[in-house]
Protein backbone atom coordinates (compact mmCIF):
# COMPACT_ATOMS: atom_id res chain seq x y z
CA UNK A 1 115.50 128.36 60.69
CA UNK A 2 118.92 128.65 62.37
CA UNK A 3 119.43 126.15 65.16
CA UNK A 4 123.03 126.79 66.17
CA UNK A 5 124.46 126.06 69.60
CA UNK A 6 127.79 126.53 71.35
CA UNK A 7 130.44 124.15 70.06
CA UNK A 8 128.81 123.61 66.66
CA UNK A 9 131.22 123.43 63.75
CA UNK A 10 130.08 125.85 61.05
CA UNK A 11 131.21 126.95 57.60
CA UNK A 12 131.25 130.60 56.55
CA UNK A 13 129.20 130.92 53.35
CA UNK A 14 128.89 134.71 53.29
CA UNK A 15 130.43 136.99 50.71
CA UNK A 16 131.93 139.80 52.83
CA UNK A 17 135.20 138.20 53.93
CA UNK A 18 137.20 136.57 51.13
CA UNK A 19 139.93 135.47 53.55
CA UNK A 20 137.58 133.07 55.32
CA UNK A 21 135.36 132.08 52.40
CA UNK A 22 134.17 128.49 53.04
CA UNK A 23 136.40 128.26 56.13
CA UNK A 24 135.12 126.21 59.03
CA UNK A 25 135.24 127.12 62.69
CA UNK A 26 133.60 126.53 66.05
CA UNK A 27 130.85 128.66 67.60
CA UNK A 28 132.13 130.08 70.89
CA UNK A 29 129.34 132.61 71.66
CA UNK A 30 125.79 133.34 70.47
CA UNK A 31 124.07 136.73 70.48
CA UNK A 32 120.48 137.70 69.69
CA UNK A 33 119.88 141.43 69.95
CA UNK A 34 117.32 141.46 67.19
CA UNK A 35 119.99 140.29 64.78
CA UNK A 36 121.37 136.80 65.34
CA UNK A 37 125.17 136.78 65.48
CA UNK A 38 127.65 134.07 66.42
CA UNK A 39 131.23 134.43 67.52
CA UNK A 40 133.13 131.82 65.50
CA UNK A 41 136.70 130.73 66.12
CA UNK A 42 138.35 130.18 62.73
CA UNK A 43 141.99 129.25 63.10
CA UNK A 44 143.20 131.46 65.91
CA UNK A 45 140.90 134.41 65.17
CA UNK A 46 137.40 135.12 66.40
CA UNK A 47 134.86 136.43 63.89
CA UNK A 48 131.42 137.85 64.63
CA UNK A 49 129.21 136.54 61.84
CA UNK A 50 125.50 136.66 61.03
CA UNK A 51 123.64 133.37 61.35
CA UNK A 52 122.53 133.71 57.73
CA UNK A 53 126.23 133.56 56.70
CA UNK A 54 126.79 130.24 58.45
CA UNK A 55 126.08 126.65 57.57
CA UNK A 56 126.19 123.79 60.07
CA UNK A 57 129.03 121.35 59.34
CA UNK A 58 128.67 118.88 62.19
CA UNK A 59 125.51 116.84 61.77
CA UNK A 60 122.93 116.76 64.53
CA UNK A 61 123.28 113.24 65.90
CA UNK A 62 120.25 113.13 68.14
CA UNK A 63 117.56 115.34 69.60
CA UNK A 64 117.74 113.39 72.88
CA UNK A 65 118.67 115.31 75.99
CA UNK A 66 121.84 114.23 77.73
CA UNK A 67 120.82 112.69 81.05
CA UNK A 68 121.88 114.50 84.19
CA UNK A 69 124.45 112.86 86.44
CA UNK A 70 121.75 111.91 88.93
CA UNK A 71 119.82 110.15 86.13
CA UNK A 72 122.89 108.24 84.92
CA UNK A 73 123.23 105.18 87.10
CA UNK A 74 126.65 104.25 85.65
CA UNK A 75 128.41 106.88 87.76
CA UNK A 76 128.52 107.53 91.48
CA UNK A 77 129.01 110.90 93.10
CA UNK A 78 132.62 111.75 93.88
CA UNK A 79 133.36 114.08 96.80
CA UNK A 80 136.23 116.58 96.76
CA UNK A 81 138.14 114.38 99.21
CA UNK A 82 137.66 111.25 97.09
CA UNK A 83 138.74 113.14 93.98
CA UNK A 84 141.92 114.37 95.66
CA UNK A 85 142.72 110.85 96.95
CA UNK A 86 142.23 109.50 93.44
CA UNK A 87 144.41 112.27 92.02
CA UNK A 88 147.19 111.56 94.55
CA UNK A 89 147.09 107.85 93.69
CA UNK A 90 147.12 108.64 89.96
CA UNK A 91 150.11 110.98 90.30
CA UNK A 92 152.04 108.49 92.47
CA UNK A 93 151.41 105.64 90.01
CA UNK A 94 152.43 107.82 87.06
CA UNK A 95 155.57 108.96 88.87
CA UNK A 96 156.53 105.32 89.46
CA UNK A 97 155.84 104.38 85.83
CA UNK A 98 157.75 107.33 84.39
CA UNK A 99 160.71 106.47 86.62
CA UNK A 100 160.79 102.82 85.51
CA UNK A 101 160.22 103.55 81.82
CA UNK A 102 162.78 106.35 81.91
CA UNK A 103 165.42 103.81 82.95
CA UNK A 104 164.44 101.54 80.06
CA UNK A 105 164.42 104.26 77.39
CA UNK A 106 166.96 106.89 78.39
CA UNK A 107 169.20 105.78 81.22
CA UNK A 108 170.22 108.35 83.82
CA UNK A 109 172.00 111.02 81.78
CA UNK A 110 169.16 112.70 79.85
CA UNK A 111 165.65 111.42 80.51
CA UNK A 112 164.38 113.13 77.35
CA UNK A 113 167.10 111.74 75.09
CA UNK A 114 164.87 109.29 73.22
CA UNK A 115 162.43 112.09 72.32
CA UNK A 116 165.18 114.46 71.26
CA UNK A 117 166.63 111.77 69.01
CA UNK A 118 163.57 112.08 66.72
CA UNK A 119 165.32 115.12 65.24
CA UNK A 120 167.64 112.66 63.46
CA UNK A 121 164.73 111.78 61.15
CA UNK A 122 163.69 115.45 60.89
CA UNK A 123 160.81 115.18 63.36
CA UNK A 124 160.74 117.86 66.02
CA UNK A 125 160.82 116.22 69.45
CA UNK A 126 157.62 118.02 70.47
CA UNK A 127 155.84 116.61 67.42
CA UNK A 128 157.17 113.15 68.19
CA UNK A 129 155.55 113.30 71.62
CA UNK A 130 152.33 114.70 70.13
CA UNK A 131 152.12 111.68 67.84
CA UNK A 132 152.39 109.41 70.87
CA UNK A 133 149.68 111.43 72.65
CA UNK A 134 147.41 111.11 69.59
CA UNK A 135 148.02 107.34 69.56
CA UNK A 136 146.83 107.21 73.16
CA UNK A 137 143.77 109.37 72.44
CA UNK A 138 142.85 107.05 69.55
CA UNK A 139 143.31 103.99 71.75
CA UNK A 140 141.20 105.48 74.56
CA UNK A 141 138.46 106.27 72.06
CA UNK A 142 138.53 102.67 70.82
CA UNK A 143 138.57 101.24 74.35
CA UNK A 144 135.53 103.32 75.28
CA UNK A 145 133.67 101.58 72.46
CA UNK A 146 135.14 98.05 72.63
CA UNK A 147 136.82 95.79 75.18
CA UNK A 148 140.58 95.55 74.92
CA UNK A 149 141.92 92.59 72.98
CA UNK A 150 145.18 92.91 74.92
CA UNK A 151 144.13 92.21 78.50
CA UNK A 152 147.40 93.55 79.96
CA UNK A 153 146.70 97.04 78.50
CA UNK A 154 143.59 98.50 80.14
CA UNK A 155 142.01 101.88 79.46
CA UNK A 156 143.45 103.04 82.80
CA UNK A 157 146.95 102.07 81.62
CA UNK A 158 146.43 103.98 78.38
CA UNK A 159 145.18 107.08 80.24
CA UNK A 160 148.23 106.86 82.50
CA UNK A 161 150.56 106.59 79.48
CA UNK A 162 148.91 109.58 77.83
CA UNK A 163 149.19 111.61 81.02
CA UNK A 164 152.90 110.80 81.22
CA UNK A 165 153.42 111.83 77.59
CA UNK A 166 151.70 115.15 78.33
CA UNK A 167 154.08 115.65 81.26
CA UNK A 168 157.08 114.69 79.12
CA UNK A 169 156.01 117.27 76.52
CA UNK A 170 155.82 119.83 79.32
CA UNK A 171 159.30 118.82 80.56
CA UNK A 172 160.73 118.96 77.03
CA UNK A 173 159.34 122.46 76.48
CA UNK A 174 160.69 123.61 79.86
CA UNK A 175 164.13 122.17 79.01
CA UNK A 176 164.51 124.25 75.85
CA UNK A 177 167.38 126.72 75.94
CA UNK A 178 166.26 130.26 75.42
């Protein structure tokens, strides 16, 4: 009757907790000790709720099993050494890009100046960077489904840009005066 799994998005339809009535959350743990209970993250709080009080929100897309890595011929195995080499190359490329773009956007005085200037239009600098990160996530999602119409902007370039925005958000947060 209840076919919940970890990560499912569910809605609370029980009557015991008015504060979360019809709220949705994500199943983070499942328990079956005679009574089926799920730990559900709603907002920033975890709730232990009976299965009978939950309704699946995310539709089941397919009953197919996800193929194992060895069954998926699109990917090769990557050793620890190869992964670290790839990481080093990625970091070096991103460092070069962030240096060049920093010159174009901010000059040498304050490399975060262009993000901080979003406060002029009442947008917190952190939120301004988050919007840029979301743009990159959306673009990556699209590029995973369709070829790029702009040949000079590959999925790798977009991933690199997003990674740099994540770092810039980190740097902005670290630069805040306490």
